Protein backbone atom coordinates (compact mmCIF):
# COMPACT_ATOMS: atom_id res chain seq x y z
CA UNK A 1 -38.37 -41.34 0.95
CA UNK A 2 -34.69 -40.80 1.74
CA UNK A 3 -32.99 -38.66 -0.66
CA UNK A 4 -29.54 -37.11 -0.86
CA UNK A 5 -28.76 -33.77 0.54
CA UNK A 6 -29.32 -30.77 -1.59
CA UNK A 7 -25.51 -30.19 -2.19
CA UNK A 8 -25.44 -33.61 -3.88
CA UNK A 9 -28.54 -32.61 -5.90
CA UNK A 10 -26.78 -29.50 -6.97
CA UNK A 11 -23.67 -31.47 -8.07
CA UNK A 12 -25.91 -34.11 -9.70
CA UNK A 13 -27.85 -31.27 -11.77
CA UNK A 14 -24.51 -29.43 -12.64
CA UNK A 15 -22.84 -32.48 -14.09
CA UNK A 16 -25.99 -33.29 -16.03
CA UNK A 17 -25.89 -29.96 -17.72
CA UNK A 18 -22.04 -29.89 -18.01
CA UNK A 19 -21.88 -33.35 -19.80
CA UNK A 20 -24.76 -32.39 -22.15
CA UNK A 21 -23.13 -29.25 -23.29
CA UNK A 22 -19.60 -30.71 -23.68
CA UNK A 23 -21.11 -33.51 -25.94
CA UNK A 24 -23.70 -31.49 -27.92
CA UNK A 25 -22.75 -27.96 -27.78
CA UNK A 26 -19.02 -27.46 -27.03
CA UNK A 27 -16.48 -27.82 -29.75
CA UNK A 28 -13.63 -28.70 -27.11
CA UNK A 29 -13.64 -29.78 -23.44
CA UNK A 30 -14.32 -27.14 -20.96
CA UNK A 31 -11.87 -26.69 -18.05
CA UNK A 32 -14.36 -24.59 -16.33
CA UNK A 33 -16.81 -27.45 -15.70
CA UNK A 34 -13.86 -29.54 -14.10
CA UNK A 35 -12.94 -26.70 -11.73
CA UNK A 36 -16.57 -26.16 -10.72
CA UNK A 37 -17.15 -29.86 -10.15
CA UNK A 38 -13.97 -30.01 -8.22
CA UNK A 39 -14.91 -27.23 -5.88
CA UNK A 40 -18.27 -28.53 -5.00
CA UNK A 41 -17.10 -31.89 -4.43
CA UNK A 42 -14.27 -30.75 -2.20
CA UNK A 43 -16.76 -28.72 -0.14
CA UNK A 44 -19.10 -31.57 -0.04
CA UNK A 45 -16.42 -34.27 1.08
CA UNK A 46 -13.80 -32.17 2.62
CA UNK A 47 -16.04 -30.27 5.19
CA UNK A 48 -18.46 -32.90 6.03
CA UNK A 49 -18.86 -34.17 9.56
CA UNK A 50 -20.01 -37.48 10.96
CA UNK A 51 -20.77 -38.39 7.40
CA UNK A 52 -19.45 -41.58 5.63
CA UNK A 53 -19.39 -45.31 6.63
CA UNK A 54 -15.62 -45.07 8.06
CA UNK A 55 -15.85 -41.61 9.45
CA UNK A 56 -16.09 -42.65 13.24
CA UNK A 57 -13.21 -44.79 12.84
CA UNK A 58 -10.94 -42.07 11.07
CA UNK A 59 -12.02 -39.54 13.68
CA UNK A 60 -10.94 -42.05 16.61
CA UNK A 61 -7.65 -42.54 14.84
CA UNK A 62 -6.95 -38.84 14.54
CA UNK A 63 -6.32 -38.42 18.21
CA UNK A 64 -5.01 -41.97 18.64
CA UNK A 65 -2.11 -41.45 16.12
CA UNK A 66 -0.96 -38.07 18.09
CA UNK A 67 -1.11 -39.88 21.47
CA UNK A 68 0.39 -43.24 20.66
CA UNK A 69 2.54 -42.52 17.87
CA UNK A 70 5.95 -40.75 17.33
CA UNK A 71 7.49 -39.31 14.39
CA UNK A 72 10.31 -41.86 14.69
CA UNK A 73 7.55 -44.49 14.39
CA UNK A 74 6.22 -42.78 11.18
CA UNK A 75 9.68 -42.66 9.51
CA UNK A 76 10.58 -46.10 10.46
CA UNK A 77 7.41 -47.24 8.76
CA UNK A 78 8.18 -45.10 5.62
CA UNK A 79 11.62 -46.84 5.38
CA UNK A 80 10.17 -50.28 5.98
CA UNK A 81 11.97 -50.75 9.08
CA UNK A 82 10.59 -52.78 12.05
CA UNK A 83 7.70 -51.02 13.93
CA UNK A 84 4.31 -51.65 15.42
CA UNK A 85 2.67 -49.15 13.27
CA UNK A 86 -0.37 -50.94 11.40
CA UNK A 87 -1.67 -47.70 9.37
CA UNK A 88 0.09 -46.41 6.34
CA UNK A 89 2.71 -43.75 7.16
CA UNK A 90 1.83 -40.75 4.95
CA UNK A 91 -1.92 -40.89 6.27
CA UNK A 92 -0.54 -41.22 9.93
CA UNK A 93 1.88 -38.28 9.34
CA UNK A 94 -0.79 -36.03 7.85
CA UNK A 95 -3.12 -36.80 10.89
CA UNK A 96 -0.43 -36.27 13.45
CA UNK A 97 0.86 -32.91 12.03
CA UNK A 98 -2.76 -31.37 11.94
CA UNK A 99 -3.51 -32.75 15.46
CA UNK A 100 -0.12 -31.47 16.97
CA UNK A 101 -0.64 -27.96 15.51
CA UNK A 102 -4.24 -27.95 17.20
CA UNK A 103 -6.43 -27.99 13.93
CA UNK A 104 -9.83 -29.98 14.05
CA UNK A 105 -10.31 -33.31 12.21
CA UNK A 106 -12.26 -31.75 9.43
CA UNK A 107 -8.87 -30.25 8.17
CA UNK A 108 -7.82 -33.79 7.65
CA UNK A 109 -10.89 -34.66 5.43
CA UNK A 110 -10.48 -31.33 3.58
CA UNK A 111 -6.80 -31.98 2.93
CA UNK A 112 -7.61 -35.73 1.80
CA UNK A 113 -10.35 -34.45 -0.54
CA UNK A 114 -8.18 -31.80 -2.02
CA UNK A 115 -5.34 -34.19 -2.95
CA UNK A 116 -7.65 -36.84 -4.22
CA UNK A 117 -9.89 -34.70 -6.40
CA UNK A 118 -6.96 -32.75 -7.82
CA UNK A 119 -4.94 -35.79 -8.83
CA UNK A 120 -8.16 -37.71 -10.29
CA UNK A 121 -9.70 -34.67 -11.88
CA UNK A 122 -6.52 -33.39 -13.54
CA UNK A 123 -5.74 -36.81 -14.99
CA UNK A 124 -9.23 -37.10 -16.31
CA UNK A 125 -9.13 -33.77 -17.83
CA UNK A 126 -5.73 -34.54 -19.69
CA UNK A 127 -6.80 -37.88 -20.90
CA UNK A 128 -10.67 -37.85 -21.55
CA UNK A 129 -12.45 -35.91 -24.23
CA UNK A 130 -15.63 -35.70 -22.33
CA UNK A 131 -14.23 -34.84 -18.56
CA UNK A 132 -17.62 -33.89 -17.13
CA UNK A 133 -19.16 -37.14 -17.99
CA UNK A 134 -16.16 -38.93 -16.73
CA UNK A 135 -16.52 -37.10 -13.37
CA UNK A 136 -20.16 -37.93 -13.36
CA UNK A 137 -19.20 -41.62 -13.27
CA UNK A 138 -17.03 -40.75 -10.38
CA UNK A 139 -19.71 -38.98 -8.62
CA UNK A 140 -22.25 -41.47 -8.95
CA UNK A 141 -21.63 -43.44 -6.70
CA UNK A 142 -17.76 -43.85 -6.51
CA UNK A 143 -17.20 -40.70 -4.52
CA UNK A 144 -19.38 -41.86 -1.87
CA UNK A 145 -17.78 -45.26 -1.33
CA UNK A 146 -13.97 -44.06 -1.90
CA UNK A 147 -13.41 -40.54 -0.95
CA UNK A 148 -16.21 -40.17 1.61
CA UNK A 149 -15.77 -43.69 3.13
CA UNK A 150 -12.71 -45.59 2.42
CA UNK A 151 -10.69 -42.48 2.25
CA UNK A 152 -7.09 -44.12 2.53
CA UNK A 153 -7.82 -46.19 -0.51
CA UNK A 154 -9.32 -43.40 -2.21
CA UNK A 155 -6.04 -41.50 -1.82
CA UNK A 156 -4.08 -44.45 -2.81
CA UNK A 157 -6.12 -44.89 -6.10
CA UNK A 158 -5.73 -41.27 -6.89
CA UNK A 159 -1.87 -41.46 -6.88
CA UNK A 160 -2.17 -44.75 -9.01
CA UNK A 161 -4.49 -42.88 -11.54
CA UNK A 162 -1.94 -39.98 -11.75
CA UNK A 163 0.76 -42.30 -12.46
CA UNK A 164 -0.96 -42.90 -15.83
CA UNK A 165 1.23 -39.94 -16.99
CA UNK A 166 4.51 -41.89 -16.34
CA UNK A 167 3.05 -45.06 -17.82
CA UNK A 168 2.42 -43.34 -21.08
CA UNK A 169 5.92 -41.91 -20.95
CA UNK A 170 7.30 -45.05 -20.04
CA UNK A 171 9.08 -43.59 -17.08
CA UNK A 172 9.60 -46.39 -14.72
CA UNK A 173 11.60 -44.52 -11.92
CA UNK A 174 8.63 -41.85 -11.57
CA UNK A 175 6.13 -44.56 -11.95
CA UNK A 176 7.80 -46.52 -9.11
CA UNK A 177 7.91 -43.29 -6.85
CA UNK A 178 4.09 -42.97 -7.38
CA UNK A 179 3.68 -46.52 -6.30
CA UNK A 180 5.75 -45.79 -3.16
CA UNK A 181 3.58 -42.74 -2.36
CA UNK A 182 0.45 -44.55 -2.99
CA UNK A 183 1.53 -47.26 -0.76
CA UNK A 184 2.12 -44.44 1.92
CA UNK A 185 -1.80 -44.10 1.81
CA UNK A 186 -3.02 -47.76 1.37
CA UNK A 187 -1.54 -51.11 1.05
CA UNK A 188 -3.86 -52.16 -1.86
CA UNK A 189 -1.94 -49.81 -4.14
CA UNK A 190 0.54 -52.61 -4.62
CA UNK A 191 -1.84 -54.31 -6.87
CA UNK A 192 -1.25 -51.47 -9.39
CA UNK A 193 2.48 -52.17 -9.87
CA UNK A 194 1.95 -54.52 -12.81
CA UNK A 195 0.01 -51.74 -14.75
CA UNK A 196 3.25 -50.28 -16.03
CA UNK A 197 3.75 -53.56 -18.15
CA UNK A 198 -0.05 -54.66 -18.74
CA UNK A 199 -0.71 -51.68 -20.97
CA UNK A 200 1.76 -53.11 -23.62
CA UNK A 201 -0.21 -56.44 -24.05
CA UNK A 202 -1.75 -56.70 -27.43
CA UNK A 203 -5.63 -56.79 -27.06
CA UNK A 204 -8.80 -56.85 -29.20
CA UNK A 205 -12.30 -57.63 -28.77
CA UNK A 206 -11.87 -61.37 -29.13
CA UNK A 207 -9.06 -61.52 -26.66
CA UNK A 208 -11.04 -59.36 -24.24
CA UNK A 209 -13.96 -61.85 -24.35
CA UNK A 210 -11.94 -64.86 -23.87
CA UNK A 211 -9.55 -63.58 -21.19
CA UNK A 212 -12.82 -62.53 -19.16
CA UNK A 213 -14.52 -65.89 -19.84
CA UNK A 214 -11.35 -67.64 -18.44
CA UNK A 215 -11.40 -65.45 -15.46
CA UNK A 216 -14.97 -66.21 -14.64
CA UNK A 217 -14.34 -70.03 -15.17
CA UNK A 218 -11.37 -69.88 -12.75
CA UNK A 219 -13.37 -68.02 -10.09
CA UNK A 220 -14.51 -70.86 -8.05
CA UNK A 221 -10.77 -72.42 -7.80
CA UNK A 222 -9.86 -69.33 -5.77
CA UNK A 223 -6.57 -69.03 -7.49
CA UNK A 224 -5.81 -65.76 -5.85
CA UNK A 225 -4.74 -67.73 -2.78
CA UNK A 226 -1.47 -68.64 -4.48
CA UNK A 227 -0.61 -64.92 -4.46
CA UNK A 228 0.06 -64.77 -0.83
CA UNK A 229 3.72 -65.87 -1.14
CA UNK A 230 4.21 -63.40 -4.23
CA UNK A 231 3.12 -60.47 -2.05
CA UNK A 232 5.34 -61.60 0.78
CA UNK A 233 8.28 -61.59 -1.61
CA UNK A 234 7.85 -58.42 -3.34
CA UNK A 235 6.08 -56.21 -0.97
CA UNK A 236 6.58 -54.81 2.54
CA UNK A 237 5.92 -57.30 5.38
CA UNK A 238 2.68 -55.63 6.43
CA UNK A 239 1.34 -55.73 2.76
CA UNK A 240 1.79 -59.51 2.59
CA UNK A 241 0.61 -60.07 6.12
CA UNK A 242 -2.54 -58.00 5.28
CA UNK A 243 -3.35 -60.03 2.13
CA UNK A 244 -2.97 -63.64 3.77
CA UNK A 245 -4.87 -62.17 6.82
CA UNK A 246 -8.04 -61.68 4.65
CA UNK A 247 -7.81 -64.92 2.87
CA UNK A 248 -10.19 -66.59 5.32
CA UNK A 249 -11.64 -63.81 7.26
CA UNK A 250 -14.96 -64.83 8.67
CA UNK A 251 -16.57 -61.43 7.93
CA UNK A 252 -14.99 -60.22 4.63
CA UNK A 253 -13.82 -63.49 3.18
CA UNK A 254 -17.20 -64.33 1.73
CA UNK A 255 -18.40 -64.56 -1.75
CA UNK A 256 -19.65 -61.56 -3.62
CA UNK A 257 -23.39 -61.55 -3.79
CA UNK A 258 -24.92 -61.48 -7.20
CA UNK A 259 -26.64 -58.27 -7.97
CA UNK A 260 -26.89 -54.82 -9.41
CA UNK A 261 -23.04 -54.65 -9.66
CA UNK A 262 -22.92 -57.55 -11.85
CA UNK A 263 -25.50 -56.11 -14.19
CA UNK A 264 -23.85 -52.98 -14.56
CA UNK A 265 -20.40 -54.66 -15.38
CA UNK A 266 -22.07 -56.94 -17.73
CA UNK A 267 -23.22 -53.84 -19.75
CA UNK A 268 -19.79 -52.24 -19.56
CA UNK A 269 -18.40 -55.34 -20.89
CA UNK A 270 -20.59 -55.48 -23.90
CA UNK A 271 -19.88 -51.79 -24.74
CA UNK A 272 -16.12 -52.28 -24.09
CA UNK A 273 -15.92 -55.36 -26.63
CA UNK A 274 -18.43 -53.91 -29.02
CA UNK A 275 -16.83 -50.57 -29.68
CA UNK A 276 -13.18 -51.54 -29.13
CA UNK A 277 -12.17 -50.83 -32.58
CA UNK A 278 -13.84 -47.49 -32.77
CA UNK A 279 -12.23 -46.24 -29.62
CA UNK A 280 -8.81 -47.42 -30.50
CA UNK A 281 -9.08 -45.54 -33.58
CA UNK A 282 -10.41 -42.23 -32.32
CA UNK A 283 -8.91 -41.93 -28.73
CA UNK A 284 -5.22 -41.45 -27.92
CA UNK A 285 -3.73 -43.99 -25.51
CA UNK A 286 -7.22 -45.82 -25.34
CA UNK A 287 -5.37 -49.16 -25.61
CA UNK A 288 -3.64 -48.49 -22.40
CA UNK A 289 -6.73 -47.35 -20.70
CA UNK A 290 -8.55 -50.61 -21.94
CA UNK A 291 -6.00 -52.95 -20.68
CA UNK A 292 -6.17 -51.63 -17.42
CA UNK A 293 -9.78 -51.81 -17.24
CA UNK A 294 -9.79 -55.35 -18.56
CA UNK A 295 -7.22 -56.53 -15.98
CA UNK A 296 -9.56 -54.81 -13.46
CA UNK A 297 -12.51 -57.01 -14.48
CA UNK A 298 -10.27 -60.10 -14.46
CA UNK A 299 -9.29 -59.40 -10.95
CA UNK A 300 -12.97 -58.92 -9.91
CA UNK A 301 -13.89 -62.21 -11.24
CA UNK A 302 -10.96 -64.13 -10.22
CA UNK A 303 -11.79 -62.82 -6.47
CA UNK A 304 -15.31 -63.13 -6.36
CA UNK A 305 -14.98 -65.73 -3.68
CA UNK A 306 -13.63 -63.20 -1.35
CA UNK A 307 -15.62 -60.07 -1.03
CA UNK A 308 -12.96 -57.78 0.33
CA UNK A 309 -10.31 -58.75 -2.51
CA UNK A 310 -12.91 -58.46 -5.29
CA UNK A 311 -14.17 -54.96 -4.14
CA UNK A 312 -11.11 -53.38 -2.94
CA UNK A 313 -8.06 -54.73 -5.08
CA UNK A 314 -9.33 -53.89 -8.62
CA UNK A 315 -10.18 -50.23 -7.53
CA UNK A 316 -7.50 -48.50 -9.30
CA UNK A 317 -8.05 -50.62 -12.44
CA UNK A 318 -11.80 -50.19 -12.49
CA UNK A 319 -11.32 -46.48 -12.18
CA UNK A 320 -9.90 -46.54 -15.76
CA UNK A 321 -13.02 -48.65 -16.86
CA UNK A 322 -15.54 -46.27 -15.79
CA UNK A 323 -13.83 -42.88 -15.77
CA UNK A 324 -11.76 -43.37 -18.85
CA UNK A 325 -13.09 -46.07 -21.02
CA UNK A 326 -16.85 -45.38 -20.94
CA UNK A 327 -16.59 -41.62 -21.73
CA UNK A 328 -13.79 -42.26 -24.50
CA UNK A 329 -16.23 -44.72 -26.10
CA UNK A 330 -19.09 -42.14 -26.13
CA UNK A 331 -16.56 -39.76 -27.85
CA UNK A 332 -15.49 -42.38 -30.35
CA UNK A 333 -18.88 -43.45 -31.58
CA UNK A 334 -21.30 -41.30 -33.86
CA UNK A 335 -24.84 -40.02 -34.04
CA UNK A 336 -27.38 -42.39 -32.89
CA UNK A 337 -25.20 -44.62 -31.06
CA UNK A 338 -23.68 -41.68 -29.36
CA UNK A 339 -27.00 -40.64 -28.19
CA UNK A 340 -28.12 -44.00 -27.09
CA UNK A 341 -25.06 -44.46 -24.89
CA UNK A 342 -25.32 -41.09 -23.44
CA UNK A 343 -29.08 -41.41 -22.64
CA UNK A 344 -28.30 -44.91 -21.14
CA UNK A 345 -25.67 -43.61 -18.74
CA UNK A 346 -27.87 -40.71 -17.79
CA UNK A 347 -30.64 -43.16 -16.96
CA UNK A 348 -28.11 -45.16 -14.94
CA UNK A 349 -27.03 -42.17 -13.05
CA UNK A 350 -30.50 -41.03 -12.30
CA UNK A 351 -31.55 -44.47 -11.08
CA UNK A 352 -28.39 -44.78 -8.91
CA UNK A 353 -29.08 -41.34 -7.40
CA UNK A 354 -32.37 -42.63 -6.03
CA UNK A 355 -31.24 -46.13 -5.26
CA UNK A 356 -28.01 -45.16 -3.40
CA UNK A 357 -29.89 -42.38 -1.48
CA UNK A 358 -32.42 -44.77 0.13
CA UNK A 359 -29.82 -47.49 0.84
CA UNK A 360 -26.12 -46.83 1.58
CA UNK A 361 -26.56 -43.08 1.24
CA UNK A 362 -29.17 -43.03 4.12
CA UNK A 363 -26.96 -45.32 6.08
CA UNK A 364 -23.82 -43.22 5.72
CA UNK A 365 -25.74 -39.95 6.47
CA UNK A 366 -25.54 -38.48 2.97
CA UNK A 367 -29.15 -37.91 2.91
CA UNK A 368 -31.21 -34.62 3.66
CA UNK A 369 -31.58 -34.39 7.61
CA UNK A 370 -28.59 -36.24 8.45
CA UNK A 371 -25.62 -34.75 6.27
CA UNK A 372 -23.73 -32.21 8.19
CA UNK A 373 -21.31 -29.65 6.74
CA UNK A 374 -19.26 -27.25 8.77
CA UNK A 375 -19.54 -24.56 6.18
CA UNK A 376 -23.44 -24.31 5.90
CA UNK A 377 -25.28 -26.63 8.40
CA UNK A 378 -26.58 -25.59 11.46
């Protein structure tokens, strides 16, 4: 049976211990757990070779940027001037500089891993009472899809997550700067722009329920098609063009298949609605996190008819669902409920570890016998 490489087994066991210790033994969150987890994940992701669904494409682009792109093209892209460059400018600049100084491609993946893990984990530690549990949600299995697969989007999401600091401070200028940087990594970051105002909408359990029901009922009508003109108006030309280009794509524009993803989201929604009052009472800024999570769910259901939209566009918002709201709820509830939720999540992580390993994990070369790391593989 295909099973994930030992480096991932080590990370899994460490997070299992760390999450248990911080919930049942520690009196306050432990930064050492975050640092160790960050180091292990950066090693596993940053120094990998030929691992991940999109790795061959990124490796091909690495030399292509240097041969066919000038620094003038990059800065034209950064200033939204007319150019032929299709890939986001910060990502192109990073690749070109590393290639031009003669460093290998794994330096690109290493720098990307350092940036994304640092931003995500720092924000998690500052805002979540159980950061090790939150990192467990990230590791199983978001890390494999985002930061070991769709790496540009993973970087964009990392900057969006880090902008939460300025959302809380109501610092619009710095938030917009974060959005500009996030767009430099991936176009989908534009969807996070409304977050600054969404957090202020008054919500409760009843409103959460009904807004999700309405989103689900609207799903067959494909209301997202009306957003094409909106993106062309407020966003750079290539962002609006990318959005309209995927509306009827014959490969990506198909409906999301009903499966495990829906079951998991269903349980998240139940937990989110049932323990909303407790979390709002016990967790600072929880209302902001919850609003972002709910909007991510709304986007998912509204865009179910188009797989690439439903999977990619809610990404930054869904980060707040799993890495912020779920661990915060575990912190807010007491005694037996805390134990049931924690054991339920641990059961899910364990099942996902084996389920992912024999499926996408094996296909993406994350399994023993296929995974390769420049530090310790031969």
